[in-house]
Amino acid sequence: MTRFRIGEAAELLGVSADTVRRWIDAGRIRAERDEHGHRAVDGVDLAAFARAQAAERDERSDASSARNRLRGIVVGVVRDTVMAQVDIQAGPFRIVSLMSREAVDELDLRVGSLAVAVIKSTNVLVERTTPPAGTRGRQVP
């Protein structure tokens, strides 16, 4: 079984360690003490919590069939005569979108704007990283 320390769980959820501690204290996430007395969250429990969080409808968004929605702030806009590049920072993720200049103008996208990157794709690459020994996602027998 994989277990995550509070800081690791916070990084995966995109929140602060204090937020994860509050969720644990409130009973929203279950945690147990590891062999060193630190609180740790079981990977399966963390995944279930993350899924439940993602399933909550975002009242700030219109209805859509797309499930991959990343809310963030526009950090860059580069326009030419026909096309534009829009950079959005959504938590730790940078999303770069290429679109028509007309669309950028119609949406009034500019640095500092709030935006939602909606990703709908049939090709999604998934990588699995192997953490160095003694760090993230400890395997417990």
N, C-alpha and C. Protein backbone atom coordinates (compact mmCIF):
# COMPACT_ATOMS: atom_id res chain seq x y z
N MET A 1 0.85 -1.17 0.00
CA MET A 1 0.00 0.00 0.00
C MET A 1 0.90 1.23 0.00
N THR A 2 0.51 2.26 -0.76
CA THR A 2 1.25 3.52 -0.82
C THR A 2 0.66 4.49 0.19
N ARG A 3 1.54 5.14 0.95
CA ARG A 3 1.11 6.14 1.93
C ARG A 3 1.84 7.44 1.67
N PHE A 4 1.14 8.55 1.88
CA PHE A 4 1.69 9.87 1.63
C PHE A 4 1.69 10.68 2.92
N ARG A 5 2.79 11.36 3.17
CA ARG A 5 2.83 12.29 4.29
C ARG A 5 1.97 13.50 3.95
N ILE A 6 1.69 14.30 4.96
CA ILE A 6 0.80 15.46 4.79
C ILE A 6 1.28 16.38 3.67
N GLY A 7 2.54 16.73 3.65
CA GLY A 7 3.08 17.63 2.63
C GLY A 7 2.96 17.05 1.24
N GLU A 8 3.17 15.75 1.11
CA GLU A 8 3.05 15.08 -0.19
C GLU A 8 1.60 15.08 -0.65
N ALA A 9 0.68 14.79 0.27
CA ALA A 9 -0.75 14.80 -0.06
C ALA A 9 -1.17 16.21 -0.49
N ALA A 10 -0.67 17.22 0.22
CA ALA A 10 -1.01 18.60 -0.11
C ALA A 10 -0.53 18.95 -1.51
N GLU A 11 0.69 18.55 -1.84
CA GLU A 11 1.22 18.83 -3.18
C GLU A 11 0.38 18.16 -4.26
N LEU A 12 -0.03 16.92 -4.02
CA LEU A 12 -0.84 16.21 -5.01
C LEU A 12 -2.23 16.83 -5.18
N LEU A 13 -2.78 17.38 -4.09
CA LEU A 13 -4.11 17.99 -4.14
C LEU A 13 -4.07 19.46 -4.54
N GLY A 14 -2.87 20.05 -4.57
CA GLY A 14 -2.75 21.45 -4.95
C GLY A 14 -3.20 22.41 -3.87
N VAL A 15 -3.03 22.02 -2.61
CA VAL A 15 -3.39 22.86 -1.48
C VAL A 15 -2.22 22.92 -0.51
N SER A 16 -2.36 23.67 0.56
CA SER A 16 -1.30 23.75 1.56
C SER A 16 -1.37 22.56 2.51
N ALA A 17 -0.25 22.31 3.19
CA ALA A 17 -0.23 21.24 4.20
C ALA A 17 -1.21 21.56 5.32
N ASP A 18 -1.36 22.84 5.67
CA ASP A 18 -2.32 23.23 6.71
C ASP A 18 -3.75 22.87 6.30
N THR A 19 -4.06 23.03 5.03
CA THR A 19 -5.41 22.67 4.56
C THR A 19 -5.64 21.17 4.72
N VAL A 20 -4.65 20.37 4.35
CA VAL A 20 -4.78 18.91 4.51
C VAL A 20 -4.93 18.57 5.99
N ARG A 21 -4.17 19.20 6.86
CA ARG A 21 -4.30 18.95 8.30
C ARG A 21 -5.71 19.28 8.78
N ARG A 22 -6.25 20.41 8.32
CA ARG A 22 -7.62 20.79 8.71
C ARG A 22 -8.63 19.75 8.21
N TRP A 23 -8.45 19.27 6.97
CA TRP A 23 -9.36 18.26 6.44
C TRP A 23 -9.26 16.97 7.25
N ILE A 24 -8.06 16.61 7.67
CA ILE A 24 -7.89 15.41 8.50
C ILE A 24 -8.58 15.62 9.85
N ASP A 25 -8.32 16.77 10.48
CA ASP A 25 -8.93 17.07 11.78
C ASP A 25 -10.45 17.09 11.70
N ALA A 26 -10.98 17.51 10.55
CA ALA A 26 -12.44 17.58 10.37
C ALA A 26 -13.02 16.23 9.95
N GLY A 27 -12.16 15.24 9.71
CA GLY A 27 -12.63 13.91 9.33
C GLY A 27 -12.91 13.74 7.85
N ARG A 28 -12.51 14.70 7.02
CA ARG A 28 -12.76 14.60 5.58
C ARG A 28 -11.78 13.65 4.91
N ILE A 29 -10.57 13.56 5.47
CA ILE A 29 -9.55 12.62 4.99
C ILE A 29 -9.09 11.80 6.19
N ARG A 30 -8.97 10.50 5.99
CA ARG A 30 -8.51 9.63 7.06
C ARG A 30 -6.99 9.53 7.02
N ALA A 31 -6.37 9.65 8.17
CA ALA A 31 -4.91 9.53 8.26
C ALA A 31 -4.57 8.69 9.48
N GLU A 32 -3.45 8.00 9.38
CA GLU A 32 -2.94 7.21 10.50
C GLU A 32 -1.50 7.62 10.75
N ARG A 33 -1.01 7.30 11.91
CA ARG A 33 0.37 7.61 12.26
C ARG A 33 1.29 6.54 11.65
N ASP A 34 2.41 7.01 11.07
CA ASP A 34 3.39 6.06 10.54
C ASP A 34 4.35 5.63 11.65
N GLU A 35 5.35 4.87 11.28
CA GLU A 35 6.29 4.33 12.26
C GLU A 35 7.08 5.41 12.99
N HIS A 36 7.10 6.62 12.48
CA HIS A 36 7.81 7.73 13.10
C HIS A 36 6.86 8.68 13.84
N GLY A 37 5.59 8.33 13.89
CA GLY A 37 4.62 9.17 14.56
C GLY A 37 4.02 10.27 13.71
N HIS A 38 4.41 10.34 12.44
CA HIS A 38 3.87 11.35 11.52
C HIS A 38 2.56 10.85 10.94
N ARG A 39 1.65 11.78 10.70
CA ARG A 39 0.39 11.38 10.07
C ARG A 39 0.64 11.09 8.59
N ALA A 40 0.01 10.03 8.10
CA ALA A 40 0.15 9.64 6.70
C ALA A 40 -1.23 9.24 6.18
N VAL A 41 -1.43 9.51 4.89
CA VAL A 41 -2.71 9.23 4.24
C VAL A 41 -2.50 8.07 3.27
N ASP A 42 -3.35 7.08 3.36
CA ASP A 42 -3.30 5.95 2.44
C ASP A 42 -3.59 6.44 1.02
N GLY A 43 -2.84 5.93 0.04
CA GLY A 43 -3.00 6.36 -1.34
C GLY A 43 -4.40 6.14 -1.88
N VAL A 44 -5.03 5.03 -1.52
CA VAL A 44 -6.39 4.74 -2.00
C VAL A 44 -7.37 5.76 -1.42
N ASP A 45 -7.20 6.08 -0.14
CA ASP A 45 -8.08 7.07 0.50
C ASP A 45 -7.87 8.45 -0.12
N LEU A 46 -6.61 8.81 -0.40
CA LEU A 46 -6.32 10.09 -1.01
C LEU A 46 -6.92 10.18 -2.41
N ALA A 47 -6.82 9.09 -3.16
CA ALA A 47 -7.40 9.07 -4.51
C ALA A 47 -8.92 9.23 -4.45
N ALA A 48 -9.57 8.57 -3.49
CA ALA A 48 -11.02 8.69 -3.34
C ALA A 48 -11.41 10.12 -2.98
N PHE A 49 -10.64 10.75 -2.10
CA PHE A 49 -10.92 12.13 -1.72
C PHE A 49 -10.75 13.05 -2.92
N ALA A 50 -9.67 12.87 -3.68
CA ALA A 50 -9.40 13.70 -4.86
C ALA A 50 -10.52 13.54 -5.89
N ARG A 51 -10.98 12.31 -6.08
CA ARG A 51 -12.06 12.06 -7.03
C ARG A 51 -13.34 12.75 -6.57
N ALA A 52 -13.64 12.67 -5.28
CA ALA A 52 -14.85 13.32 -4.75
C ALA A 52 -14.76 14.83 -4.91
N GLN A 53 -13.59 15.40 -4.68
CA GLN A 53 -13.40 16.84 -4.86
C GLN A 53 -13.63 17.23 -6.32
N ALA A 54 -13.10 16.44 -7.24
CA ALA A 54 -13.23 16.74 -8.66
C ALA A 54 -14.67 16.59 -9.14
N ALA A 55 -15.43 15.72 -8.48
CA ALA A 55 -16.81 15.46 -8.89
C ALA A 55 -17.76 16.59 -8.50
N GLU A 56 -17.33 17.41 -7.53
CA GLU A 56 -18.18 18.53 -7.12
C GLU A 56 -18.30 19.52 -8.28
N ARG A 57 -19.51 19.86 -8.63
CA ARG A 57 -19.75 20.76 -9.75
C ARG A 57 -19.20 22.14 -9.45
N ASP A 58 -18.52 22.71 -10.40
CA ASP A 58 -17.99 24.07 -10.29
C ASP A 58 -19.09 25.02 -10.74
N GLU A 59 -19.71 25.70 -9.80
CA GLU A 59 -20.83 26.59 -10.11
C GLU A 59 -20.40 27.79 -10.95
N ARG A 60 -19.08 28.03 -11.05
CA ARG A 60 -18.60 29.17 -11.81
C ARG A 60 -18.46 28.85 -13.29
N SER A 61 -18.72 27.60 -13.68
CA SER A 61 -18.54 27.19 -15.07
C SER A 61 -19.87 26.84 -15.72
N ASP A 62 -19.93 27.02 -17.03
CA ASP A 62 -21.09 26.59 -17.78
C ASP A 62 -21.06 25.07 -17.92
N ALA A 63 -22.20 24.49 -18.25
CA ALA A 63 -22.27 23.05 -18.45
C ALA A 63 -21.46 22.66 -19.68
N SER A 64 -20.78 21.52 -19.60
CA SER A 64 -19.95 21.06 -20.70
C SER A 64 -19.74 19.56 -20.57
N SER A 65 -19.48 18.90 -21.69
CA SER A 65 -19.18 17.47 -21.63
C SER A 65 -17.73 17.22 -21.25
N ALA A 66 -16.89 18.25 -21.34
CA ALA A 66 -15.47 18.10 -21.01
C ALA A 66 -15.31 17.93 -19.50
N ARG A 67 -14.48 17.00 -19.11
CA ARG A 67 -14.25 16.74 -17.69
C ARG A 67 -12.93 17.34 -17.19
N ASN A 68 -12.05 17.66 -18.10
CA ASN A 68 -10.73 18.17 -17.73
C ASN A 68 -10.76 19.70 -17.77
N ARG A 69 -11.04 20.30 -16.63
CA ARG A 69 -11.19 21.74 -16.53
C ARG A 69 -10.20 22.24 -15.49
N LEU A 70 -9.32 23.12 -15.91
CA LEU A 70 -8.30 23.66 -15.02
C LEU A 70 -8.50 25.17 -14.91
N ARG A 71 -8.94 25.62 -13.74
CA ARG A 71 -9.21 27.04 -13.49
C ARG A 71 -7.91 27.71 -13.09
N GLY A 72 -7.62 28.84 -13.69
CA GLY A 72 -6.37 29.51 -13.37
C GLY A 72 -6.37 30.97 -13.78
N ILE A 73 -5.18 31.53 -13.75
CA ILE A 73 -5.00 32.95 -14.08
C ILE A 73 -4.17 33.06 -15.34
N VAL A 74 -4.56 33.97 -16.21
CA VAL A 74 -3.80 34.20 -17.45
C VAL A 74 -2.51 34.91 -17.05
N VAL A 75 -1.37 34.31 -17.43
CA VAL A 75 -0.08 34.88 -17.08
C VAL A 75 0.67 35.41 -18.30
N GLY A 76 0.13 35.16 -19.48
CA GLY A 76 0.78 35.67 -20.68
C GLY A 76 -0.15 35.62 -21.88
N VAL A 77 -0.10 36.65 -22.71
CA VAL A 77 -0.85 36.68 -23.97
C VAL A 77 0.07 37.29 -25.02
N VAL A 78 0.28 36.54 -26.10
CA VAL A 78 1.08 37.02 -27.22
C VAL A 78 0.20 36.97 -28.46
N ARG A 79 -0.01 38.12 -29.10
CA ARG A 79 -0.87 38.19 -30.28
C ARG A 79 -0.04 38.55 -31.51
N ASP A 80 -0.46 37.99 -32.65
CA ASP A 80 0.03 38.53 -33.92
C ASP A 80 -1.21 38.91 -34.71
N THR A 81 -1.12 39.02 -36.01
CA THR A 81 -2.27 39.49 -36.78
C THR A 81 -3.38 38.47 -36.88
N VAL A 82 -3.06 37.18 -36.81
CA VAL A 82 -4.07 36.14 -36.98
C VAL A 82 -4.22 35.24 -35.74
N MET A 83 -3.12 34.85 -35.13
CA MET A 83 -3.12 33.89 -34.03
C MET A 83 -2.66 34.53 -32.73
N ALA A 84 -2.89 33.80 -31.62
CA ALA A 84 -2.45 34.26 -30.30
C ALA A 84 -2.07 33.05 -29.46
N GLN A 85 -1.18 33.30 -28.51
CA GLN A 85 -0.80 32.29 -27.52
C GLN A 85 -1.23 32.81 -26.16
N VAL A 86 -1.94 31.96 -25.42
CA VAL A 86 -2.40 32.33 -24.08
C VAL A 86 -1.81 31.33 -23.10
N ASP A 87 -1.10 31.84 -22.08
CA ASP A 87 -0.53 31.00 -21.03
C ASP A 87 -1.38 31.16 -19.78
N ILE A 88 -1.79 30.02 -19.21
CA ILE A 88 -2.60 30.01 -17.99
C ILE A 88 -1.84 29.22 -16.94
N GLN A 89 -1.77 29.77 -15.73
CA GLN A 89 -1.20 29.06 -14.59
C GLN A 89 -2.35 28.57 -13.74
N ALA A 90 -2.52 27.26 -13.66
CA ALA A 90 -3.59 26.65 -12.88
C ALA A 90 -2.94 25.82 -11.79
N GLY A 91 -2.79 26.41 -10.62
CA GLY A 91 -2.04 25.74 -9.56
C GLY A 91 -0.61 25.55 -10.04
N PRO A 92 -0.09 24.34 -9.92
CA PRO A 92 1.29 24.12 -10.35
C PRO A 92 1.41 23.87 -11.86
N PHE A 93 0.30 23.91 -12.58
CA PHE A 93 0.30 23.55 -13.99
C PHE A 93 0.26 24.76 -14.90
N ARG A 94 1.12 24.74 -15.92
CA ARG A 94 1.12 25.78 -16.95
C ARG A 94 0.45 25.19 -18.18
N ILE A 95 -0.56 25.86 -18.66
CA ILE A 95 -1.28 25.44 -19.86
C ILE A 95 -1.04 26.50 -20.92
N VAL A 96 -0.65 26.07 -22.11
CA VAL A 96 -0.43 26.98 -23.22
C VAL A 96 -1.47 26.65 -24.28
N SER A 97 -2.22 27.66 -24.69
CA SER A 97 -3.25 27.48 -25.71
C SER A 97 -2.95 28.38 -26.91
N LEU A 98 -3.04 27.80 -28.08
CA LEU A 98 -2.92 28.56 -29.32
C LEU A 98 -4.32 28.69 -29.90
N MET A 99 -4.72 29.92 -30.19
CA MET A 99 -6.07 30.16 -30.71
C MET A 99 -6.03 31.39 -31.61
N SER A 100 -7.15 31.66 -32.22
CA SER A 100 -7.19 32.83 -33.09
C SER A 100 -7.12 34.10 -32.24
N ARG A 101 -6.57 35.13 -32.84
CA ARG A 101 -6.53 36.43 -32.16
C ARG A 101 -7.95 36.91 -31.91
N GLU A 102 -8.84 36.63 -32.86
CA GLU A 102 -10.23 37.03 -32.72
C GLU A 102 -10.84 36.43 -31.45
N ALA A 103 -10.57 35.16 -31.17
CA ALA A 103 -11.10 34.51 -29.97
C ALA A 103 -10.56 35.17 -28.70
N VAL A 104 -9.27 35.48 -28.70
CA VAL A 104 -8.67 36.16 -27.54
C VAL A 104 -9.33 37.51 -27.32
N ASP A 105 -9.54 38.25 -28.40
CA ASP A 105 -10.18 39.56 -28.30
C ASP A 105 -11.62 39.44 -27.81
N GLU A 106 -12.38 38.47 -28.36
CA GLU A 106 -13.77 38.29 -27.96
C GLU A 106 -13.89 37.89 -26.49
N LEU A 107 -12.96 37.06 -26.02
CA LEU A 107 -12.97 36.63 -24.61
C LEU A 107 -12.33 37.67 -23.69
N ASP A 108 -11.74 38.69 -24.30
CA ASP A 108 -11.05 39.75 -23.56
C ASP A 108 -10.01 39.16 -22.61
N LEU A 109 -9.24 38.19 -23.13
CA LEU A 109 -8.20 37.56 -22.33
C LEU A 109 -6.99 38.48 -22.24
N ARG A 110 -6.56 38.73 -21.02
CA ARG A 110 -5.38 39.55 -20.79
C ARG A 110 -4.72 39.07 -19.50
N VAL A 111 -3.47 39.43 -19.32
CA VAL A 111 -2.75 39.02 -18.13
C VAL A 111 -3.54 39.46 -16.90
N GLY A 112 -3.73 38.52 -15.98
CA GLY A 112 -4.49 38.79 -14.76
C GLY A 112 -5.93 38.34 -14.84
N SER A 113 -6.42 37.96 -16.03
CA SER A 113 -7.79 37.47 -16.18
C SER A 113 -7.93 36.08 -15.58
N LEU A 114 -9.09 35.80 -15.05
CA LEU A 114 -9.43 34.46 -14.61
C LEU A 114 -9.92 33.68 -15.83
N ALA A 115 -9.45 32.45 -16.00
CA ALA A 115 -9.85 31.65 -17.15
C ALA A 115 -9.92 30.18 -16.77
N VAL A 116 -10.66 29.41 -17.53
CA VAL A 116 -10.73 27.97 -17.35
C VAL A 116 -10.23 27.32 -18.62
N ALA A 117 -9.19 26.51 -18.49
CA ALA A 117 -8.69 25.74 -19.63
C ALA A 117 -9.50 24.46 -19.68
N VAL A 118 -10.22 24.26 -20.78
CA VAL A 118 -11.04 23.06 -20.96
C VAL A 118 -10.30 22.17 -21.94
N ILE A 119 -9.94 20.99 -21.49
CA ILE A 119 -9.13 20.09 -22.31
C ILE A 119 -9.98 18.89 -22.69
N LYS A 120 -10.16 18.70 -23.97
CA LYS A 120 -10.94 17.58 -24.50
C LYS A 120 -10.06 16.90 -25.54
N SER A 121 -9.57 15.73 -25.21
CA SER A 121 -8.63 15.09 -26.11
C SER A 121 -8.78 13.59 -26.07
N THR A 122 -8.57 12.98 -27.21
CA THR A 122 -8.57 11.51 -27.25
C THR A 122 -7.17 10.97 -27.04
N ASN A 123 -6.17 11.83 -27.05
CA ASN A 123 -4.79 11.40 -26.83
C ASN A 123 -4.25 12.04 -25.56
N VAL A 124 -4.11 11.23 -24.54
CA VAL A 124 -3.56 11.70 -23.28
C VAL A 124 -2.44 10.75 -22.90
N LEU A 125 -1.24 11.28 -22.77
CA LEU A 125 -0.11 10.47 -22.36
C LEU A 125 -0.06 10.44 -20.85
N VAL A 126 0.19 9.27 -20.29
CA VAL A 126 0.30 9.12 -18.85
C VAL A 126 1.68 8.55 -18.54
N GLU A 127 2.39 9.23 -17.65
CA GLU A 127 3.69 8.76 -17.22
C GLU A 127 3.62 8.42 -15.75
N ARG A 128 4.37 7.45 -15.35
CA ARG A 128 4.47 7.13 -13.93
C ARG A 128 5.90 7.36 -13.52
N THR A 129 6.08 8.18 -12.52
CA THR A 129 7.43 8.45 -12.05
C THR A 129 7.74 7.50 -10.90
N THR A 130 8.97 7.15 -10.79
CA THR A 130 9.41 6.32 -9.68
C THR A 130 10.16 7.22 -8.72
N PRO A 131 9.59 7.46 -7.54
CA PRO A 131 10.26 8.36 -6.60
C PRO A 131 11.53 7.72 -6.06
N PRO A 132 12.52 8.56 -5.73
CA PRO A 132 13.74 8.03 -5.13
C PRO A 132 13.42 7.33 -3.82
N ALA A 133 14.24 6.36 -3.46
CA ALA A 133 14.04 5.61 -2.22
C ALA A 133 13.98 6.56 -1.04
N GLY A 134 13.03 6.30 -0.12
CA GLY A 134 12.93 7.10 1.09
C GLY A 134 12.19 8.40 0.92
N THR A 135 11.55 8.60 -0.24
CA THR A 135 10.81 9.85 -0.43
C THR A 135 9.37 9.54 -0.75
N ARG A 136 8.76 10.34 -1.53
CA ARG A 136 7.33 10.32 -1.81
C ARG A 136 6.72 8.96 -2.04
N GLY A 137 5.47 8.85 -1.62
CA GLY A 137 4.67 7.66 -1.90
C GLY A 137 5.33 6.40 -1.39
N ARG A 138 5.52 6.33 -0.09
CA ARG A 138 6.20 5.17 0.49
C ARG A 138 5.36 3.91 0.32
N GLN A 139 5.98 2.85 -0.11
CA GLN A 139 5.31 1.56 -0.23
C GLN A 139 5.38 0.89 1.14
N VAL A 140 4.25 0.46 1.63
CA VAL A 140 4.19 -0.20 2.95
C VAL A 140 3.79 -1.64 2.71
N PRO A 141 4.51 -2.58 3.30
CA PRO A 141 4.15 -4.00 3.09
C PRO A 141 2.80 -4.36 3.60
